[in-house]
Amino acid sequence: MKAVNGILCATALVAFFASFAGAANMTMTGMISDSMCGASHGKMMEMHKDAKMTDRDCSLACVKNGGKFVFVSSGKVYSISNQSLASLTKYAGENVKVTGDVNGDTIAVSKIAASK
């Protein structure tokens, strides 16, 4: 029984550490958007053209109404795992440089800076 428990613990530890192996720290340029609009706010802007919404207004409104912040780079939409990062609200709808750990289509953002 002790051998089985030891094997199970070792397997769990390997799986735990392997989950971190796929993450790569990267810096990318793109835009902070929202999960409802993704790469384009066009449809939402068309629906609210009287309000003259900006990309920022749209992103903040969508997040307020249940969406999540996302990062869009070269047409690919990345989910952001740390939604409480204050810089997400600050740079919503803007072109930025994002640094973070990328794992598939998810990024844990560590730094956001305005893109020049």
N, C-alpha and C. Protein backbone atom coordinates (compact mmCIF):
# COMPACT_ATOMS: atom_id res chain seq x y z
N MET A 1 0.82 -1.19 0.00
CA MET A 1 0.00 0.00 0.00
C MET A 1 0.86 1.26 0.00
N LYS A 2 1.97 1.22 0.78
CA LYS A 2 2.87 2.36 0.84
C LYS A 2 3.50 2.61 -0.53
N ALA A 3 3.79 1.55 -1.25
CA ALA A 3 4.40 1.69 -2.58
C ALA A 3 3.41 2.35 -3.54
N VAL A 4 2.17 1.97 -3.46
CA VAL A 4 1.14 2.55 -4.33
C VAL A 4 0.97 4.04 -4.02
N ASN A 5 0.92 4.39 -2.73
CA ASN A 5 0.81 5.80 -2.35
C ASN A 5 2.02 6.60 -2.82
N GLY A 6 3.20 6.01 -2.72
CA GLY A 6 4.42 6.67 -3.17
C GLY A 6 4.38 6.93 -4.67
N ILE A 7 3.93 5.95 -5.42
CA ILE A 7 3.83 6.09 -6.88
C ILE A 7 2.80 7.16 -7.24
N LEU A 8 1.68 7.16 -6.55
CA LEU A 8 0.65 8.16 -6.82
C LEU A 8 1.14 9.58 -6.52
N CYS A 9 1.86 9.73 -5.40
CA CYS A 9 2.41 11.04 -5.05
C CYS A 9 3.44 11.50 -6.06
N ALA A 10 4.30 10.60 -6.48
CA ALA A 10 5.33 10.94 -7.47
C ALA A 10 4.69 11.33 -8.80
N THR A 11 3.67 10.61 -9.21
CA THR A 11 2.96 10.92 -10.45
C THR A 11 2.29 12.29 -10.36
N ALA A 12 1.68 12.57 -9.23
CA ALA A 12 1.03 13.87 -9.05
C ALA A 12 2.04 15.01 -9.10
N LEU A 13 3.21 14.82 -8.48
CA LEU A 13 4.24 15.85 -8.51
C LEU A 13 4.76 16.08 -9.93
N VAL A 14 4.98 15.02 -10.68
CA VAL A 14 5.44 15.15 -12.07
C VAL A 14 4.40 15.90 -12.89
N ALA A 15 3.14 15.55 -12.73
CA ALA A 15 2.08 16.23 -13.48
C ALA A 15 1.99 17.71 -13.10
N PHE A 16 2.16 18.00 -11.82
CA PHE A 16 2.11 19.38 -11.34
C PHE A 16 3.22 20.21 -11.98
N PHE A 17 4.44 19.72 -11.93
CA PHE A 17 5.57 20.47 -12.48
C PHE A 17 5.54 20.51 -14.01
N ALA A 18 5.01 19.50 -14.64
CA ALA A 18 4.90 19.48 -16.11
C ALA A 18 3.93 20.54 -16.60
N SER A 19 2.95 20.90 -15.79
CA SER A 19 1.99 21.92 -16.20
C SER A 19 2.66 23.27 -16.37
N PHE A 20 3.78 23.49 -15.68
CA PHE A 20 4.51 24.75 -15.81
C PHE A 20 5.51 24.72 -16.95
N ALA A 21 5.85 23.56 -17.43
CA ALA A 21 6.88 23.44 -18.46
C ALA A 21 6.45 24.07 -19.77
N GLY A 22 5.16 24.09 -20.08
CA GLY A 22 4.68 24.63 -21.35
C GLY A 22 4.63 26.15 -21.38
N ALA A 23 4.69 26.81 -20.25
CA ALA A 23 4.60 28.27 -20.20
C ALA A 23 5.92 28.89 -20.63
N ALA A 24 5.81 29.91 -21.48
CA ALA A 24 7.01 30.61 -21.95
C ALA A 24 6.82 32.10 -21.71
N ASN A 25 7.81 32.74 -21.10
CA ASN A 25 7.73 34.18 -20.87
C ASN A 25 8.02 34.89 -22.19
N MET A 26 7.07 35.72 -22.62
CA MET A 26 7.18 36.39 -23.91
C MET A 26 6.74 37.84 -23.79
N THR A 27 7.20 38.67 -24.71
CA THR A 27 6.71 40.03 -24.86
C THR A 27 6.11 40.13 -26.25
N MET A 28 4.85 40.57 -26.32
CA MET A 28 4.15 40.68 -27.60
C MET A 28 3.47 42.05 -27.69
N THR A 29 3.22 42.48 -28.91
CA THR A 29 2.51 43.72 -29.15
C THR A 29 1.11 43.37 -29.63
N GLY A 30 0.13 44.10 -29.13
CA GLY A 30 -1.25 43.86 -29.52
C GLY A 30 -2.18 44.82 -28.83
N MET A 31 -3.42 44.38 -28.57
CA MET A 31 -4.43 45.24 -27.98
C MET A 31 -5.13 44.53 -26.83
N ILE A 32 -5.43 45.28 -25.77
CA ILE A 32 -6.26 44.76 -24.69
C ILE A 32 -7.70 44.93 -25.13
N SER A 33 -8.42 43.83 -25.22
CA SER A 33 -9.82 43.85 -25.67
C SER A 33 -10.66 43.11 -24.63
N ASP A 34 -11.80 42.61 -25.08
CA ASP A 34 -12.69 41.87 -24.18
C ASP A 34 -13.16 40.60 -24.87
N SER A 35 -13.60 39.64 -24.07
CA SER A 35 -13.99 38.33 -24.60
C SER A 35 -15.27 38.37 -25.43
N MET A 36 -16.08 39.38 -25.27
CA MET A 36 -17.31 39.47 -26.06
C MET A 36 -17.02 39.93 -27.50
N CYS A 37 -16.07 40.83 -27.65
CA CYS A 37 -15.74 41.37 -28.98
C CYS A 37 -14.52 40.70 -29.59
N GLY A 38 -13.59 40.28 -28.77
CA GLY A 38 -12.39 39.63 -29.29
C GLY A 38 -11.52 40.58 -30.09
N ALA A 39 -11.23 40.20 -31.34
CA ALA A 39 -10.30 40.96 -32.17
C ALA A 39 -10.92 42.21 -32.78
N SER A 40 -12.25 42.31 -32.80
CA SER A 40 -12.88 43.46 -33.45
C SER A 40 -14.10 43.96 -32.68
N HIS A 41 -14.14 45.26 -32.48
CA HIS A 41 -15.28 45.89 -31.83
C HIS A 41 -16.29 46.39 -32.86
N GLY A 42 -16.07 46.06 -34.13
CA GLY A 42 -16.89 46.57 -35.23
C GLY A 42 -18.38 46.35 -35.06
N LYS A 43 -18.78 45.15 -34.71
CA LYS A 43 -20.21 44.83 -34.58
C LYS A 43 -20.85 45.64 -33.46
N MET A 44 -20.15 45.74 -32.34
CA MET A 44 -20.67 46.50 -31.20
C MET A 44 -20.71 47.99 -31.53
N MET A 45 -19.69 48.48 -32.21
CA MET A 45 -19.64 49.90 -32.58
C MET A 45 -20.79 50.25 -33.52
N GLU A 46 -21.09 49.34 -34.42
CA GLU A 46 -22.20 49.57 -35.36
C GLU A 46 -23.53 49.63 -34.61
N MET A 47 -23.69 48.78 -33.63
CA MET A 47 -24.93 48.77 -32.85
C MET A 47 -25.08 50.03 -32.00
N HIS A 48 -23.97 50.63 -31.60
CA HIS A 48 -24.01 51.80 -30.72
C HIS A 48 -23.38 53.03 -31.38
N LYS A 49 -23.59 53.18 -32.68
CA LYS A 49 -22.93 54.28 -33.39
C LYS A 49 -23.40 55.64 -32.92
N ASP A 50 -24.60 55.75 -32.39
CA ASP A 50 -25.08 57.03 -31.86
C ASP A 50 -24.30 57.45 -30.61
N ALA A 51 -23.80 56.47 -29.87
CA ALA A 51 -23.07 56.76 -28.63
C ALA A 51 -21.60 57.10 -28.90
N LYS A 52 -21.15 56.92 -30.12
CA LYS A 52 -19.76 57.21 -30.50
C LYS A 52 -18.77 56.52 -29.55
N MET A 53 -18.95 55.21 -29.39
CA MET A 53 -18.09 54.42 -28.52
C MET A 53 -16.69 54.26 -29.12
N THR A 54 -15.70 54.28 -28.26
CA THR A 54 -14.33 53.97 -28.66
C THR A 54 -14.06 52.51 -28.32
N ASP A 55 -12.92 51.99 -28.78
CA ASP A 55 -12.53 50.62 -28.42
C ASP A 55 -12.44 50.48 -26.90
N ARG A 56 -11.94 51.52 -26.25
CA ARG A 56 -11.81 51.51 -24.79
C ARG A 56 -13.19 51.44 -24.14
N ASP A 57 -14.11 52.31 -24.59
CA ASP A 57 -15.47 52.31 -24.03
C ASP A 57 -16.11 50.94 -24.18
N CYS A 58 -15.94 50.37 -25.36
CA CYS A 58 -16.55 49.07 -25.65
C CYS A 58 -15.97 47.98 -24.74
N SER A 59 -14.64 47.93 -24.63
CA SER A 59 -14.00 46.91 -23.79
C SER A 59 -14.45 47.02 -22.34
N LEU A 60 -14.45 48.23 -21.81
CA LEU A 60 -14.85 48.42 -20.41
C LEU A 60 -16.31 48.07 -20.19
N ALA A 61 -17.18 48.43 -21.14
CA ALA A 61 -18.60 48.10 -21.02
C ALA A 61 -18.82 46.58 -21.07
N CYS A 62 -18.12 45.91 -21.97
CA CYS A 62 -18.28 44.46 -22.08
C CYS A 62 -17.78 43.75 -20.82
N VAL A 63 -16.65 44.21 -20.27
CA VAL A 63 -16.13 43.60 -19.04
C VAL A 63 -17.09 43.87 -17.88
N LYS A 64 -17.63 45.07 -17.83
CA LYS A 64 -18.59 45.40 -16.77
C LYS A 64 -19.82 44.51 -16.84
N ASN A 65 -20.17 44.08 -18.06
CA ASN A 65 -21.36 43.26 -18.27
C ASN A 65 -21.06 41.77 -18.36
N GLY A 66 -19.95 41.34 -17.77
CA GLY A 66 -19.68 39.91 -17.66
C GLY A 66 -18.57 39.37 -18.54
N GLY A 67 -18.05 40.17 -19.46
CA GLY A 67 -16.94 39.71 -20.29
C GLY A 67 -15.64 39.70 -19.50
N LYS A 68 -14.62 39.17 -20.09
CA LYS A 68 -13.28 39.13 -19.49
C LYS A 68 -12.33 39.89 -20.40
N PHE A 69 -11.27 40.45 -19.81
CA PHE A 69 -10.23 41.06 -20.63
C PHE A 69 -9.50 39.98 -21.41
N VAL A 70 -9.13 40.28 -22.65
CA VAL A 70 -8.32 39.39 -23.47
C VAL A 70 -7.22 40.22 -24.11
N PHE A 71 -6.22 39.54 -24.65
CA PHE A 71 -5.14 40.19 -25.37
C PHE A 71 -5.17 39.68 -26.80
N VAL A 72 -5.17 40.61 -27.77
CA VAL A 72 -5.22 40.24 -29.18
C VAL A 72 -3.89 40.63 -29.82
N SER A 73 -3.21 39.65 -30.41
CA SER A 73 -1.93 39.89 -31.07
C SER A 73 -1.91 39.13 -32.39
N SER A 74 -1.67 39.85 -33.47
CA SER A 74 -1.62 39.24 -34.82
C SER A 74 -2.86 38.41 -35.11
N GLY A 75 -4.02 38.90 -34.69
CA GLY A 75 -5.29 38.22 -34.95
C GLY A 75 -5.62 37.09 -33.99
N LYS A 76 -4.70 36.69 -33.14
CA LYS A 76 -4.95 35.62 -32.18
C LYS A 76 -5.41 36.23 -30.87
N VAL A 77 -6.45 35.65 -30.28
CA VAL A 77 -7.02 36.13 -29.02
C VAL A 77 -6.53 35.23 -27.89
N TYR A 78 -5.87 35.86 -26.91
CA TYR A 78 -5.36 35.15 -25.74
C TYR A 78 -6.23 35.48 -24.53
N SER A 79 -6.64 34.47 -23.79
CA SER A 79 -7.31 34.68 -22.52
C SER A 79 -6.27 35.19 -21.52
N ILE A 80 -6.69 36.05 -20.63
CA ILE A 80 -5.78 36.56 -19.60
C ILE A 80 -6.17 35.92 -18.28
N SER A 81 -5.21 35.21 -17.67
CA SER A 81 -5.53 34.45 -16.46
C SER A 81 -5.63 35.31 -15.21
N ASN A 82 -4.95 36.44 -15.18
CA ASN A 82 -4.99 37.30 -13.99
C ASN A 82 -5.81 38.56 -14.27
N GLN A 83 -7.11 38.41 -14.22
CA GLN A 83 -8.06 39.47 -14.56
C GLN A 83 -8.03 40.66 -13.61
N SER A 84 -7.51 40.51 -12.41
CA SER A 84 -7.53 41.59 -11.43
C SER A 84 -6.40 42.60 -11.60
N LEU A 85 -5.52 42.40 -12.57
CA LEU A 85 -4.41 43.30 -12.83
C LEU A 85 -4.94 44.69 -13.20
N ALA A 86 -4.58 45.72 -12.42
CA ALA A 86 -5.10 47.07 -12.62
C ALA A 86 -4.76 47.65 -13.99
N SER A 87 -3.64 47.25 -14.56
CA SER A 87 -3.23 47.76 -15.86
C SER A 87 -4.18 47.36 -16.98
N LEU A 88 -4.95 46.31 -16.79
CA LEU A 88 -5.91 45.89 -17.81
C LEU A 88 -6.96 46.98 -18.03
N THR A 89 -7.47 47.53 -16.95
CA THR A 89 -8.45 48.62 -17.06
C THR A 89 -7.79 49.87 -17.61
N LYS A 90 -6.59 50.15 -17.16
CA LYS A 90 -5.88 51.35 -17.61
C LYS A 90 -5.65 51.35 -19.12
N TYR A 91 -5.30 50.20 -19.68
CA TYR A 91 -4.96 50.11 -21.10
C TYR A 91 -6.05 49.47 -21.97
N ALA A 92 -7.25 49.32 -21.45
CA ALA A 92 -8.35 48.71 -22.21
C ALA A 92 -8.56 49.43 -23.54
N GLY A 93 -8.63 48.65 -24.62
CA GLY A 93 -8.87 49.20 -25.95
C GLY A 93 -7.66 49.83 -26.61
N GLU A 94 -6.51 49.76 -25.97
CA GLU A 94 -5.31 50.41 -26.50
C GLU A 94 -4.30 49.39 -27.02
N ASN A 95 -3.43 49.86 -27.91
CA ASN A 95 -2.31 49.05 -28.38
C ASN A 95 -1.21 49.09 -27.33
N VAL A 96 -0.72 47.92 -26.97
CA VAL A 96 0.23 47.80 -25.87
C VAL A 96 1.29 46.75 -26.17
N LYS A 97 2.32 46.74 -25.33
CA LYS A 97 3.29 45.65 -25.27
C LYS A 97 2.99 44.90 -23.98
N VAL A 98 2.77 43.62 -24.09
CA VAL A 98 2.43 42.79 -22.94
C VAL A 98 3.54 41.77 -22.74
N THR A 99 3.97 41.63 -21.49
CA THR A 99 4.94 40.61 -21.12
C THR A 99 4.25 39.66 -20.15
N GLY A 100 4.45 38.37 -20.37
CA GLY A 100 3.84 37.40 -19.48
C GLY A 100 4.15 35.98 -19.88
N ASP A 101 3.68 35.06 -19.08
CA ASP A 101 3.86 33.63 -19.34
C ASP A 101 2.73 33.15 -20.24
N VAL A 102 3.09 32.69 -21.43
CA VAL A 102 2.11 32.20 -22.40
C VAL A 102 2.08 30.68 -22.34
N ASN A 103 0.87 30.15 -22.22
CA ASN A 103 0.66 28.72 -22.21
C ASN A 103 -0.51 28.43 -23.13
N GLY A 104 -0.24 28.06 -24.36
CA GLY A 104 -1.30 27.84 -25.35
C GLY A 104 -1.94 29.16 -25.72
N ASP A 105 -3.24 29.28 -25.45
CA ASP A 105 -3.94 30.52 -25.76
C ASP A 105 -4.29 31.33 -24.51
N THR A 106 -3.50 31.11 -23.45
CA THR A 106 -3.70 31.83 -22.20
C THR A 106 -2.40 32.53 -21.82
N ILE A 107 -2.51 33.75 -21.30
CA ILE A 107 -1.34 34.48 -20.85
C ILE A 107 -1.56 34.99 -19.43
N ALA A 108 -0.54 34.79 -18.61
CA ALA A 108 -0.52 35.38 -17.26
C ALA A 108 0.32 36.64 -17.39
N VAL A 109 -0.32 37.78 -17.43
CA VAL A 109 0.35 39.05 -17.71
C VAL A 109 1.16 39.51 -16.49
N SER A 110 2.42 39.87 -16.75
CA SER A 110 3.25 40.40 -15.67
C SER A 110 3.52 41.89 -15.87
N LYS A 111 3.41 42.37 -17.11
CA LYS A 111 3.68 43.78 -17.39
C LYS A 111 2.94 44.23 -18.65
N ILE A 112 2.36 45.43 -18.57
CA ILE A 112 1.72 46.05 -19.73
C ILE A 112 2.29 47.45 -19.86
N ALA A 113 2.68 47.81 -21.08
CA ALA A 113 3.20 49.16 -21.35
C ALA A 113 2.60 49.65 -22.65
N ALA A 114 2.43 50.97 -22.76
CA ALA A 114 1.91 51.56 -23.98
C ALA A 114 2.85 51.24 -25.14
N SER A 115 2.27 50.91 -26.28
CA SER A 115 3.04 50.63 -27.47
C SER A 115 3.26 51.92 -28.25
N LYS A 116 4.48 52.11 -28.71
CA LYS A 116 4.79 53.35 -29.43
C LYS A 116 4.53 53.22 -30.90
